[in-house]
Every structure is written in C-alpha cells, then in structure tokens.
Amino acid sequence: DALLYALLTSSVAGQDTPLAQGVIDNAKSFANKIWNTGKFVLTELEKNQAKLSAECTTGMTFSDDEIRAMPWLERALISKCHGVIENVTQSLLANSFAPPTKVLKEFIQEDF
C-alpha cells in the first residue's frame, strides 16, 4: 500500500519519475495513520452500536433542521468531507490519480 501510494503521489503524466526512499517512508507513515484512523472509527462504532442503531434509521441523510442543530465543527467537517468526495470523484473520473492523493492526505492530516 505504501509503495502504491508513493508511486501515485510522485507520478507526473508522461515522465519517468525517480522514487526516493524518503518518499516511500513518508507513504508508509501515512498508510499507518490511515490504518490507525480506521481502527479508531471501527472501535467507536462498536462502542456506540446500540445508540447508532436506534438513531440512524435513515442512513446518513440529515434534514435542514438536523444540520442547523449540529455544532459548528460537525457541520464544517461534514461540508469538508462532501467537498473531498466530490473533488476526488471528479479527478478519478478524469483518470487523474496524483491530485486525489494530495486532497485525501490533506483532509486526513488537517481536518480529521
């Protein structure tokens, strides 16, 4: 996973790119961060399963009133997440693979 991520982040269309050990080390560190983030989310889901099952009957759809009732930070995070999803989707549909890696890394490191 780290090697694939390193290749994606350092790729330039139509050019050969040397791959330094530092790039692979950074990718490995980031892959570890993603793993730990996923582990945290799954642990929290398991701990709150009963509450989530009772409250989340409509999936992830929120009414305007529910969104207004959320704390500012939650609204900002949901908005940023939707922006990341749209940005990454557009890039992948255009067969552009390096930009989404940067967007995802920024989101996970800065916002999540």
PDB file of N, CA and C in Angstrom:
ATOM      1  N   ASP A   1       0.814  -1.193   0.000  1.00  0.00           N
ATOM      2  CA  ASP A   1       0.000   0.000   0.000  1.00  0.00           C
ATOM      3  C   ASP A   1       0.864   1.265   0.000  1.00  0.00           C
ATOM      4  N   ALA A   2       1.910   1.238   0.795  1.00  0.00           N
ATOM      5  CA  ALA A   2       2.785   2.411   0.865  1.00  0.00           C
ATOM      6  C   ALA A   2       3.486   2.651  -0.468  1.00  0.00           C
ATOM      7  N   LEU A   3       3.921   1.587  -1.109  1.00  0.00           N
ATOM      8  CA  LEU A   3       4.593   1.735  -2.403  1.00  0.00           C
ATOM      9  C   LEU A   3       3.623   2.278  -3.450  1.00  0.00           C
ATOM     10  N   LEU A   4       2.410   1.750  -3.478  1.00  0.00           N
ATOM     11  CA  LEU A   4       1.410   2.251  -4.430  1.00  0.00           C
ATOM     12  C   LEU A   4       1.119   3.727  -4.179  1.00  0.00           C
ATOM     13  N   TYR A   5       0.961   4.091  -2.917  1.00  0.00           N
ATOM     14  CA  TYR A   5       0.700   5.486  -2.585  1.00  0.00           C
ATOM     15  C   TYR A   5       1.880   6.368  -2.994  1.00  0.00           C
ATOM     16  N   ALA A   6       3.091   5.907  -2.739  1.00  0.00           N
ATOM     17  CA  ALA A   6       4.285   6.672  -3.121  1.00  0.00           C
ATOM     18  C   ALA A   6       4.341   6.866  -4.631  1.00  0.00           C
ATOM     19  N   LEU A   7       4.020   5.829  -5.379  1.00  0.00           N
ATOM     20  CA  LEU A   7       4.021   5.946  -6.840  1.00  0.00           C
ATOM     21  C   LEU A   7       2.956   6.924  -7.320  1.00  0.00           C
ATOM     22  N   LEU A   8       1.779   6.883  -6.709  1.00  0.00           N
ATOM     23  CA  LEU A   8       0.708   7.793  -7.113  1.00  0.00           C
ATOM     24  C   LEU A   8       1.043   9.247  -6.792  1.00  0.00           C
ATOM     25  N   THR A   9       1.581   9.489  -5.610  1.00  0.00           N
ATOM     26  CA  THR A   9       1.843  10.875  -5.215  1.00  0.00           C
ATOM     27  C   THR A   9       2.999  11.504  -5.969  1.00  0.00           C
ATOM     28  N   SER A  10       3.921  10.693  -6.431  1.00  0.00           N
ATOM     29  CA  SER A  10       5.089  11.261  -7.111  1.00  0.00           C
ATOM     30  C   SER A  10       5.004  11.138  -8.626  1.00  0.00           C
ATOM     31  N   SER A  11       3.874  10.706  -9.133  1.00  0.00           N
ATOM     32  CA  SER A  11       3.764  10.494 -10.579  1.00  0.00           C
ATOM     33  C   SER A  11       3.516  11.802 -11.319  1.00  0.00           C
ATOM     34  N   VAL A  12       4.112  11.896 -12.489  1.00  0.00           N
ATOM     35  CA  VAL A  12       3.896  13.010 -13.406  1.00  0.00           C
ATOM     36  C   VAL A  12       3.559  12.381 -14.751  1.00  0.00           C
ATOM     37  N   ALA A  13       2.431  12.769 -15.311  1.00  0.00           N
ATOM     38  CA  ALA A  13       1.968  12.155 -16.554  1.00  0.00           C
ATOM     39  C   ALA A  13       3.013  12.278 -17.656  1.00  0.00           C
ATOM     40  N   GLY A  14       3.367  11.153 -18.257  1.00  0.00           N
ATOM     41  CA  GLY A  14       4.270  11.124 -19.392  1.00  0.00           C
ATOM     42  C   GLY A  14       5.747  11.221 -19.054  1.00  0.00           C
ATOM     43  N   GLN A  15       6.101  11.172 -17.781  1.00  0.00           N
ATOM     44  CA  GLN A  15       7.508  11.287 -17.402  1.00  0.00           C
ATOM     45  C   GLN A  15       7.909  10.148 -16.479  1.00  0.00           C
ATOM     46  N   ASP A  16       9.164   9.733 -16.613  1.00  0.00           N
ATOM     47  CA  ASP A  16       9.729   8.791 -15.655  1.00  0.00           C
ATOM     48  C   ASP A  16      10.085   9.576 -14.398  1.00  0.00           C
ATOM     49  N   THR A  17       9.750   9.018 -13.262  1.00  0.00           N
ATOM     50  CA  THR A  17       9.997   9.712 -12.006  1.00  0.00           C
ATOM     51  C   THR A  17      10.841   8.837 -11.096  1.00  0.00           C
ATOM     52  N   PRO A  18      11.991   9.339 -10.633  1.00  0.00           N
ATOM     53  CA  PRO A  18      12.773   8.548  -9.673  1.00  0.00           C
ATOM     54  C   PRO A  18      12.021   8.472  -8.345  1.00  0.00           C
ATOM     55  N   LEU A  19      12.134   7.335  -7.700  1.00  0.00           N
ATOM     56  CA  LEU A  19      11.419   7.121  -6.450  1.00  0.00           C
ATOM     57  C   LEU A  19      12.435   6.998  -5.314  1.00  0.00           C
ATOM     58  N   ALA A  20      12.487   7.996  -4.470  1.00  0.00           N
ATOM     59  CA  ALA A  20      13.451   8.020  -3.368  1.00  0.00           C
ATOM     60  C   ALA A  20      12.911   7.253  -2.164  1.00  0.00           C
ATOM     61  N   GLN A  21      13.819   6.751  -1.335  1.00  0.00           N
ATOM     62  CA  GLN A  21      13.432   6.007  -0.133  1.00  0.00           C
ATOM     63  C   GLN A  21      12.599   6.880   0.805  1.00  0.00           C
ATOM     64  N   GLY A  22      12.900   8.169   0.868  1.00  0.00           N
ATOM     65  CA  GLY A  22      12.145   9.079   1.730  1.00  0.00           C
ATOM     66  C   GLY A  22      10.680   9.157   1.357  1.00  0.00           C
ATOM     67  N   VAL A  23      10.401   9.112   0.057  1.00  0.00           N
ATOM     68  CA  VAL A  23       9.014   9.150  -0.414  1.00  0.00           C
ATOM     69  C   VAL A  23       8.273   7.901   0.059  1.00  0.00           C
ATOM     70  N   ILE A  24       8.936   6.759  -0.019  1.00  0.00           N
ATOM     71  CA  ILE A  24       8.321   5.503   0.428  1.00  0.00           C
ATOM     72  C   ILE A  24       8.123   5.524   1.943  1.00  0.00           C
ATOM     73  N   ASP A  25       9.095   6.045   2.681  1.00  0.00           N
ATOM     74  CA  ASP A  25       8.968   6.133   4.142  1.00  0.00           C
ATOM     75  C   ASP A  25       7.797   7.032   4.542  1.00  0.00           C
ATOM     76  N   ASN A  26       7.650   8.170   3.859  1.00  0.00           N
ATOM     77  CA  ASN A  26       6.516   9.061   4.132  1.00  0.00           C
ATOM     78  C   ASN A  26       5.193   8.372   3.817  1.00  0.00           C
ATOM     79  N   ALA A  27       5.154   7.641   2.719  1.00  0.00           N
ATOM     80  CA  ALA A  27       3.936   6.926   2.343  1.00  0.00           C
ATOM     81  C   ALA A  27       3.603   5.847   3.373  1.00  0.00           C
ATOM     82  N   LYS A  28       4.628   5.178   3.878  1.00  0.00           N
ATOM     83  CA  LYS A  28       4.414   4.147   4.903  1.00  0.00           C
ATOM     84  C   LYS A  28       3.847   4.773   6.176  1.00  0.00           C
ATOM     85  N   SER A  29       4.383   5.902   6.557  1.00  0.00           N
ATOM     86  CA  SER A  29       3.900   6.610   7.745  1.00  0.00           C
ATOM     87  C   SER A  29       2.441   7.028   7.570  1.00  0.00           C
ATOM     88  N   PHE A  30       2.108   7.519   6.376  1.00  0.00           N
ATOM     89  CA  PHE A  30       0.732   7.940   6.114  1.00  0.00           C
ATOM     90  C   PHE A  30      -0.212   6.740   6.082  1.00  0.00           C
ATOM     91  N   ALA A  31       0.223   5.628   5.495  1.00  0.00           N
ATOM     92  CA  ALA A  31      -0.601   4.413   5.483  1.00  0.00           C
ATOM     93  C   ALA A  31      -0.879   3.953   6.911  1.00  0.00           C
ATOM     94  N   ASN A  32       0.106   4.076   7.781  1.00  0.00           N
ATOM     95  CA  ASN A  32      -0.084   3.722   9.189  1.00  0.00           C
ATOM     96  C   ASN A  32      -1.110   4.640   9.848  1.00  0.00           C
ATOM     97  N   LYS A  33      -1.074   5.927   9.503  1.00  0.00           N
ATOM     98  CA  LYS A  33      -2.050   6.878  10.047  1.00  0.00           C
ATOM     99  C   LYS A  33      -3.460   6.517   9.583  1.00  0.00           C
ATOM    100  N   ILE A  34      -3.604   6.144   8.321  1.00  0.00           N
ATOM    101  CA  ILE A  34      -4.917   5.734   7.813  1.00  0.00           C
ATOM    102  C   ILE A  34      -5.397   4.487   8.559  1.00  0.00           C
ATOM    103  N   TRP A  35      -4.498   3.531   8.769  1.00  0.00           N
ATOM    104  CA  TRP A  35      -4.843   2.304   9.497  1.00  0.00           C
ATOM    105  C   TRP A  35      -5.341   2.640  10.908  1.00  0.00           C
ATOM    106  N   ASN A  36      -4.602   3.497  11.608  1.00  0.00           N
ATOM    107  CA  ASN A  36      -4.991   3.871  12.968  1.00  0.00           C
ATOM    108  C   ASN A  36      -6.308   4.641  12.998  1.00  0.00           C
ATOM    109  N   THR A  37      -6.529   5.490  12.011  1.00  0.00           N
ATOM    110  CA  THR A  37      -7.784   6.225  11.919  1.00  0.00           C
ATOM    111  C   THR A  37      -8.946   5.259  11.716  1.00  0.00           C
ATOM    112  N   GLY A  38      -8.775   4.310  10.809  1.00  0.00           N
ATOM    113  CA  GLY A  38      -9.814   3.306  10.569  1.00  0.00           C
ATOM    114  C   GLY A  38     -10.098   2.479  11.804  1.00  0.00           C
ATOM    115  N   LYS A  39      -9.039   2.100  12.522  1.00  0.00           N
ATOM    116  CA  LYS A  39      -9.194   1.325  13.749  1.00  0.00           C
ATOM    117  C   LYS A  39      -9.981   2.129  14.793  1.00  0.00           C
ATOM    118  N   PHE A  40      -9.682   3.414  14.909  1.00  0.00           N
ATOM    119  CA  PHE A  40     -10.396   4.283  15.844  1.00  0.00           C
ATOM    120  C   PHE A  40     -11.878   4.364  15.489  1.00  0.00           C
ATOM    121  N   VAL A  41     -12.176   4.592  14.211  1.00  0.00           N
ATOM    122  CA  VAL A  41     -13.570   4.706  13.776  1.00  0.00           C
ATOM    123  C   VAL A  41     -14.327   3.407  14.050  1.00  0.00           C
ATOM    124  N   LEU A  42     -13.734   2.275  13.713  1.00  0.00           N
ATOM    125  CA  LEU A  42     -14.400   0.989  13.946  1.00  0.00           C
ATOM    126  C   LEU A  42     -14.618   0.732  15.434  1.00  0.00           C
ATOM    127  N   THR A  43     -13.657   1.093  16.269  1.00  0.00           N
ATOM    128  CA  THR A  43     -13.808   0.927  17.717  1.00  0.00           C
ATOM    129  C   THR A  43     -14.955   1.778  18.245  1.00  0.00           C
ATOM    130  N   GLU A  44     -15.027   3.033  17.787  1.00  0.00           N
ATOM    131  CA  GLU A  44     -16.113   3.913  18.222  1.00  0.00           C
ATOM    132  C   GLU A  44     -17.467   3.409  17.729  1.00  0.00           C
ATOM    133  N   LEU A  45     -17.517   2.883  16.521  1.00  0.00           N
ATOM    134  CA  LEU A  45     -18.770   2.325  16.010  1.00  0.00           C
ATOM    135  C   LEU A  45     -19.232   1.151  16.859  1.00  0.00           C
ATOM    136  N   GLU A  46     -18.300   0.279  17.233  1.00  0.00           N
ATOM    137  CA  GLU A  46     -18.650  -0.869  18.068  1.00  0.00           C
ATOM    138  C   GLU A  46     -19.140  -0.419  19.442  1.00  0.00           C
ATOM    139  N   LYS A  47     -18.470   0.563  20.040  1.00  0.00           N
ATOM    140  CA  LYS A  47     -18.861   1.035  21.371  1.00  0.00           C
ATOM    141  C   LYS A  47     -20.238   1.690  21.354  1.00  0.00           C
ATOM    142  N   ASN A  48     -20.596   2.320  20.260  1.00  0.00           N
ATOM    143  CA  ASN A  48     -21.850   3.070  20.175  1.00  0.00           C
ATOM    144  C   ASN A  48     -22.886   2.402  19.283  1.00  0.00           C
ATOM    145  N   GLN A  49     -22.750   1.113  19.050  1.00  0.00           N
ATOM    146  CA  GLN A  49     -23.624   0.405  18.113  1.00  0.00           C
ATOM    147  C   GLN A  49     -25.099   0.514  18.492  1.00  0.00           C
ATOM    148  N   ALA A  50     -25.432   0.324  19.761  1.00  0.00           N
ATOM    149  CA  ALA A  50     -26.836   0.372  20.180  1.00  0.00           C
ATOM    150  C   ALA A  50     -27.425   1.754  19.937  1.00  0.00           C
ATOM    151  N   LYS A  51     -26.690   2.783  20.309  1.00  0.00           N
ATOM    152  CA  LYS A  51     -27.161   4.154  20.109  1.00  0.00           C
ATOM    153  C   LYS A  51     -27.300   4.468  18.621  1.00  0.00           C
ATOM    154  N   LEU A  52     -26.321   4.064  17.832  1.00  0.00           N
ATOM    155  CA  LEU A  52     -26.368   4.326  16.393  1.00  0.00           C
ATOM    156  C   LEU A  52     -27.519   3.589  15.733  1.00  0.00           C
ATOM    157  N   SER A  53     -27.769   2.352  16.146  1.00  0.00           N
ATOM    158  CA  SER A  53     -28.861   1.573  15.559  1.00  0.00           C
ATOM    159  C   SER A  53     -30.199   2.232  15.830  1.00  0.00           C
ATOM    160  N   ALA A  54     -30.355   2.805  17.016  1.00  0.00           N
ATOM    161  CA  ALA A  54     -31.616   3.441  17.379  1.00  0.00           C
ATOM    162  C   ALA A  54     -31.795   4.791  16.688  1.00  0.00           C
ATOM    163  N   GLU A  55     -30.711   5.534  16.515  1.00  0.00           N
ATOM    164  CA  GLU A  55     -30.813   6.896  15.992  1.00  0.00           C
ATOM    165  C   GLU A  55     -30.621   7.005  14.485  1.00  0.00           C
ATOM    166  N   CYS A  56     -29.932   6.082  13.883  1.00  0.00           N
ATOM    167  CA  CYS A  56     -29.587   6.193  12.459  1.00  0.00           C
ATOM    168  C   CYS A  56     -30.464   5.272  11.622  1.00  0.00           C
ATOM    169  N   THR A  57     -31.731   5.585  11.562  1.00  0.00           N
ATOM    170  CA  THR A  57     -32.638   4.747  10.781  1.00  0.00           C
ATOM    171  C   THR A  57     -32.711   5.191   9.331  1.00  0.00           C
ATOM    172  N   THR A  58     -32.287   6.406   9.039  1.00  0.00           N
ATOM    173  CA  THR A  58     -32.390   6.921   7.673  1.00  0.00           C
ATOM    174  C   THR A  58     -31.040   7.003   6.981  1.00  0.00           C
ATOM    175  N   GLY A  59     -30.053   6.323   7.484  1.00  0.00           N
ATOM    176  CA  GLY A  59     -28.735   6.400   6.861  1.00  0.00           C
ATOM    177  C   GLY A  59     -28.052   7.694   7.227  1.00  0.00           C
ATOM    178  N   MET A  60     -27.343   8.260   6.286  1.00  0.00           N
ATOM    179  CA  MET A  60     -26.576   9.472   6.561  1.00  0.00           C
ATOM    180  C   MET A  60     -27.238  10.716   5.986  1.00  0.00           C
ATOM    181  N   THR A  61     -28.534  10.686   5.838  1.00  0.00           N
ATOM    182  CA  THR A  61     -29.265  11.839   5.331  1.00  0.00           C
ATOM    183  C   THR A  61     -29.731  12.686   6.509  1.00  0.00           C
ATOM    184  N   PHE A  62     -29.449  13.974   6.458  1.00  0.00           N
ATOM    185  CA  PHE A  62     -29.843  14.874   7.533  1.00  0.00           C
ATOM    186  C   PHE A  62     -30.811  15.914   6.982  1.00  0.00           C
ATOM    187  N   SER A  63     -31.823  16.243   7.766  1.00  0.00           N
ATOM    188  CA  SER A  63     -32.733  17.320   7.383  1.00  0.00           C
ATOM    189  C   SER A  63     -32.034  18.654   7.637  1.00  0.00           C
ATOM    190  N   ASP A  64     -32.601  19.715   7.083  1.00  0.00           N
ATOM    191  CA  ASP A  64     -32.024  21.046   7.308  1.00  0.00           C
ATOM    192  C   ASP A  64     -32.028  21.403   8.791  1.00  0.00           C
ATOM    193  N   ASP A  65     -33.097  21.017   9.492  1.00  0.00           N
ATOM    194  CA  ASP A  65     -33.172  21.299  10.929  1.00  0.00           C
ATOM    195  C   ASP A  65     -32.096  20.541  11.705  1.00  0.00           C
ATOM    196  N   GLU A  66     -31.849  19.279  11.326  1.00  0.00           N
ATOM    197  CA  GLU A  66     -30.811  18.497  12.000  1.00  0.00           C
ATOM    198  C   GLU A  66     -29.433  19.114  11.772  1.00  0.00           C
ATOM    199  N   ILE A  67     -29.195  19.579  10.566  1.00  0.00           N
ATOM    200  CA  ILE A  67     -27.903  20.202  10.264  1.00  0.00           C
ATOM    201  C   ILE A  67     -27.734  21.489  11.062  1.00  0.00           C
ATOM    202  N   ARG A  68     -28.797  22.309  11.121  1.00  0.00           N
ATOM    203  CA  ARG A  68     -28.722  23.555  11.887  1.00  0.00           C
ATOM    204  C   ARG A  68     -28.495  23.292  13.376  1.00  0.00           C
ATOM    205  N   ALA A  69     -29.004  22.161  13.879  1.00  0.00           N
ATOM    206  CA  ALA A  69     -28.863  21.829  15.301  1.00  0.00           C
ATOM    207  C   ALA A  69     -27.471  21.295  15.648  1.00  0.00           C
ATOM    208  N   MET A  70     -26.703  20.914  14.643  1.00  0.00           N
ATOM    209  CA  MET A  70     -25.360  20.376  14.892  1.00  0.00           C
ATOM    210  C   MET A  70     -24.412  21.484  15.325  1.00  0.00           C
ATOM    211  N   PRO A  71     -23.423  21.126  16.139  1.00  0.00           N
ATOM    212  CA  PRO A  71     -22.379  22.114  16.462  1.00  0.00           C
ATOM    213  C   PRO A  71     -21.648  22.543  15.185  1.00  0.00           C
ATOM    214  N   TRP A  72     -21.099  23.746  15.218  1.00  0.00           N
ATOM    215  CA  TRP A  72     -20.428  24.301  14.046  1.00  0.00           C
ATOM    216  C   TRP A  72     -19.350  23.369  13.514  1.00  0.00           C
ATOM    217  N   LEU A  73     -18.571  22.769  14.410  1.00  0.00           N
ATOM    218  CA  LEU A  73     -17.464  21.916  13.992  1.00  0.00           C
ATOM    219  C   LEU A  73     -17.954  20.700  13.206  1.00  0.00           C
ATOM    220  N   GLU A  74     -19.056  20.087  13.648  1.00  0.00           N
ATOM    221  CA  GLU A  74     -19.608  18.939  12.919  1.00  0.00           C
ATOM    222  C   GLU A  74     -20.079  19.347  11.529  1.00  0.00           C
ATOM    223  N   ARG A  75     -20.766  20.488  11.443  1.00  0.00           N
ATOM    224  CA  ARG A  75     -21.230  20.962  10.131  1.00  0.00           C
ATOM    225  C   ARG A  75     -20.051  21.226   9.203  1.00  0.00           C
ATOM    226  N   ALA A  76     -18.996  21.831   9.737  1.00  0.00           N
ATOM    227  CA  ALA A  76     -17.812  22.127   8.925  1.00  0.00           C
ATOM    228  C   ALA A  76     -17.152  20.843   8.443  1.00  0.00           C
ATOM    229  N   LEU A  77     -17.055  19.839   9.311  1.00  0.00           N
ATOM    230  CA  LEU A  77     -16.424  18.574   8.934  1.00  0.00           C
ATOM    231  C   LEU A  77     -17.242  17.841   7.874  1.00  0.00           C
ATOM    232  N   ILE A  78     -18.556  17.829   8.026  1.00  0.00           N
ATOM    233  CA  ILE A  78     -19.416  17.182   7.026  1.00  0.00           C
ATOM    234  C   ILE A  78     -19.301  17.903   5.689  1.00  0.00           C
ATOM    235  N   SER A  79     -19.296  19.221   5.724  1.00  0.00           N
ATOM    236  CA  SER A  79     -19.160  20.000   4.491  1.00  0.00           C
ATOM    237  C   SER A  79     -17.827  19.722   3.807  1.00  0.00           C
ATOM    238  N   LYS A  80     -16.754  19.709   4.584  1.00  0.00           N
ATOM    239  CA  LYS A  80     -15.420  19.436   4.033  1.00  0.00           C
ATOM    240  C   LYS A  80     -15.366  18.028   3.450  1.00  0.00           C
ATOM    241  N   CYS A  81     -15.973  17.071   4.138  1.00  0.00           N
ATOM    242  CA  CYS A  81     -15.988  15.683   3.670  1.00  0.00           C
ATOM    243  C   CYS A  81     -16.701  15.575   2.320  1.00  0.00           C
ATOM    244  N   HIS A  82     -17.830  16.260   2.187  1.00  0.00           N
ATOM    245  CA  HIS A  82     -18.544  16.239   0.909  1.00  0.00           C
ATOM    246  C   HIS A  82     -17.707  16.871  -0.201  1.00  0.00           C
ATOM    247  N   GLY A  83     -16.994  17.951   0.116  1.00  0.00           N
ATOM    248  CA  GLY A  83     -16.116  18.577  -0.864  1.00  0.00           C
ATOM    249  C   GLY A  83     -14.990  17.656  -1.299  1.00  0.00           C
ATOM    250  N   VAL A  84     -14.412  16.930  -0.346  1.00  0.00           N
ATOM    251  CA  VAL A  84     -13.340  15.978  -0.663  1.00  0.00           C
ATOM    252  C   VAL A  84     -13.873  14.868  -1.563  1.00  0.00           C
ATOM    253  N   ILE A  85     -15.039  14.337  -1.232  1.00  0.00           N
ATOM    254  CA  ILE A  85     -15.636  13.265  -2.036  1.00  0.00           C
ATOM    255  C   ILE A  85     -15.852  13.735  -3.469  1.00  0.00           C
ATOM    256  N   GLU A  86     -16.394  14.930  -3.621  1.00  0.00           N
ATOM    257  CA  GLU A  86     -16.653  15.452  -4.968  1.00  0.00           C
ATOM    258  C   GLU A  86     -15.351  15.688  -5.740  1.00  0.00           C
ATOM    259  N   ASN A  87     -14.369  16.274  -5.084  1.00  0.00           N
ATOM    260  CA  ASN A  87     -13.080  16.557  -5.713  1.00  0.00           C
ATOM    261  C   ASN A  87     -12.390  15.276  -6.162  1.00  0.00           C
ATOM    262  N   VAL A  88     -12.324  14.289  -5.275  1.00  0.00           N
ATOM    263  CA  VAL A  88     -11.662  13.019  -5.591  1.00  0.00           C
ATOM    264  C   VAL A  88     -12.404  12.295  -6.710  1.00  0.00           C
ATOM    265  N   THR A  89     -13.722  12.282  -6.649  1.00  0.00           N
ATOM    266  CA  THR A  89     -14.516  11.612  -7.684  1.00  0.00           C
ATOM    267  C   THR A  89     -14.263  12.231  -9.051  1.00  0.00           C
ATOM    268  N   GLN A  90     -14.273  13.562  -9.130  1.00  0.00           N
ATOM    269  CA  GLN A  90     -14.030  14.234 -10.409  1.00  0.00           C
ATOM    270  C   GLN A  90     -12.639  13.918 -10.947  1.00  0.00           C
ATOM    271  N   SER A  91     -11.646  13.921 -10.086  1.00  0.00           N
ATOM    272  CA  SER A  91     -10.278  13.618 -10.523  1.00  0.00           C
ATOM    273  C   SER A  91     -10.155  12.186 -11.026  1.00  0.00           C
ATOM    274  N   LEU A  92     -10.738  11.242 -10.294  1.00  0.00           N
ATOM    275  CA  LEU A  92     -10.650   9.841 -10.703  1.00  0.00           C
ATOM    276  C   LEU A  92     -11.394   9.590 -12.011  1.00  0.00           C
ATOM    277  N   LEU A  93     -12.536  10.243 -12.198  1.00  0.00           N
ATOM    278  CA  LEU A  93     -13.271  10.093 -13.456  1.00  0.00           C
ATOM    279  C   LEU A  93     -12.482  10.653 -14.633  1.00  0.00           C
ATOM    280  N   ALA A  94     -11.611  11.624 -14.357  1.00  0.00           N
ATOM    281  CA  ALA A  94     -10.761  12.206 -15.400  1.00  0.00           C
ATOM    282  C   ALA A  94      -9.434  11.453 -15.521  1.00  0.00           C
ATOM    283  N   ASN A  95      -9.324  10.296 -14.856  1.00  0.00           N
ATOM    284  CA  ASN A  95      -8.094   9.489 -14.853  1.00  0.00           C
ATOM    285  C   ASN A  95      -6.880  10.278 -14.373  1.00  0.00           C
ATOM    286  N   SER A  96      -7.112  11.137 -13.414  1.00  0.00           N
ATOM    287  CA  SER A  96      -6.045  11.918 -12.795  1.00  0.00           C
ATOM    288  C   SER A  96      -5.875  11.389 -11.375  1.00  0.00           C
ATOM    289  N   PHE A  97      -4.757  10.706 -11.116  1.00  0.00           N
ATOM    290  CA  PHE A  97      -4.625   9.968  -9.867  1.00  0.00           C
ATOM    291  C   PHE A  97      -3.773  10.654  -8.804  1.00  0.00           C
ATOM    292  N   ALA A  98      -2.845  11.506  -9.174  1.00  0.00           N
ATOM    293  CA  ALA A  98      -1.998  12.166  -8.176  1.00  0.00           C
ATOM    294  C   ALA A  98      -2.761  13.219  -7.362  1.00  0.00           C
ATOM    295  N   PRO A  99      -3.562  14.095  -7.986  1.00  0.00           N
ATOM    296  CA  PRO A  99      -4.258  15.117  -7.189  1.00  0.00           C
ATOM    297  C   PRO A  99      -5.154  14.562  -6.073  1.00  0.00           C
ATOM    298  N   PRO A 100      -5.902  13.483  -6.304  1.00  0.00           N
ATOM    299  CA  PRO A 100      -6.734  12.982  -5.199  1.00  0.00           C
ATOM    300  C   PRO A 100      -5.927  12.510  -3.994  1.00  0.00           C
ATOM    301  N   THR A 101      -4.716  12.001  -4.231  1.00  0.00           N
ATOM    302  CA  THR A 101      -3.905  11.551  -3.097  1.00  0.00           C
ATOM    303  C   THR A 101      -3.540  12.731  -2.206  1.00  0.00           C
ATOM    304  N   LYS A 102      -3.273  13.855  -2.820  1.00  0.00           N
ATOM    305  CA  LYS A 102      -2.934  15.050  -2.042  1.00  0.00           C
ATOM    306  C   LYS A 102      -4.154  15.575  -1.283  1.00  0.00           C
ATOM    307  N   VAL A 103      -5.320  15.553  -1.929  1.00  0.00           N
ATOM    308  CA  VAL A 103      -6.556  16.010  -1.286  1.00  0.00           C
ATOM    309  C   VAL A 103      -6.894  15.121  -0.089  1.00  0.00           C
ATOM    310  N   LEU A 104      -6.798  13.810  -0.271  1.00  0.00           N
ATOM    311  CA  LEU A 104      -7.102  12.880   0.817  1.00  0.00           C
ATOM    312  C   LEU A 104      -6.117  13.028   1.974  1.00  0.00           C
ATOM    313  N   LYS A 105      -4.842  13.169   1.650  1.00  0.00           N
ATOM    314  CA  LYS A 105      -3.834  13.314   2.707  1.00  0.00           C
ATOM    315  C   LYS A 105      -4.078  14.586   3.503  1.00  0.00           C
ATOM    316  N   GLU A 106      -4.356  15.668   2.812  1.00  0.00           N
ATOM    317  CA  GLU A 106      -4.628  16.932   3.497  1.00  0.00           C
ATOM    318  C   GLU A 106      -5.852  16.806   4.401  1.00  0.00           C
ATOM    319  N   PHE A 107      -6.903  16.168   3.903  1.00  0.00           N
ATOM    320  CA  PHE A 107      -8.126  16.012   4.700  1.00  0.00           C
ATOM    321  C   PHE A 107      -7.861  15.177   5.951  1.00  0.00           C
ATOM    322  N   ILE A 108      -7.182  14.062   5.789  1.00  0.00           N
ATOM    323  CA  ILE A 108      -6.946  13.171   6.930  1.00  0.00           C
ATOM    324  C   ILE A 108      -6.000  13.814   7.941  1.00  0.00           C
ATOM    325  N   GLN A 109      -4.958  14.475   7.467  1.00  0.00           N
ATOM    326  CA  GLN A 109      -3.985  15.063   8.396  1.00  0.00           C
ATOM    327  C   GLN A 109      -4.457  16.378   9.010  1.00  0.00           C
ATOM    328  N   GLU A 110      -5.155  17.189   8.245  1.00  0.00           N
ATOM    329  CA  GLU A 110      -5.518  18.521   8.725  1.00  0.00           C
ATOM    330  C   GLU A 110      -6.898  18.579   9.377  1.00  0.00           C
ATOM    331  N   ASP A 111      -7.855  17.857   8.818  1.00  0.00           N
ATOM    332  CA  ASP A 111      -9.241  18.021   9.254  1.00  0.00           C
ATOM    333  C   ASP A 111      -9.776  16.880  10.103  1.00  0.00           C
ATOM    334  N   PHE A 112      -9.335  15.661   9.833  1.00  0.00           N
ATOM    335  CA  PHE A 112      -9.896  14.522  10.551  1.00  0.00           C
ATOM    336  C   PHE A 112      -9.094  14.310  11.806  1.00  0.00           C
TER     337      PHE A 112
END
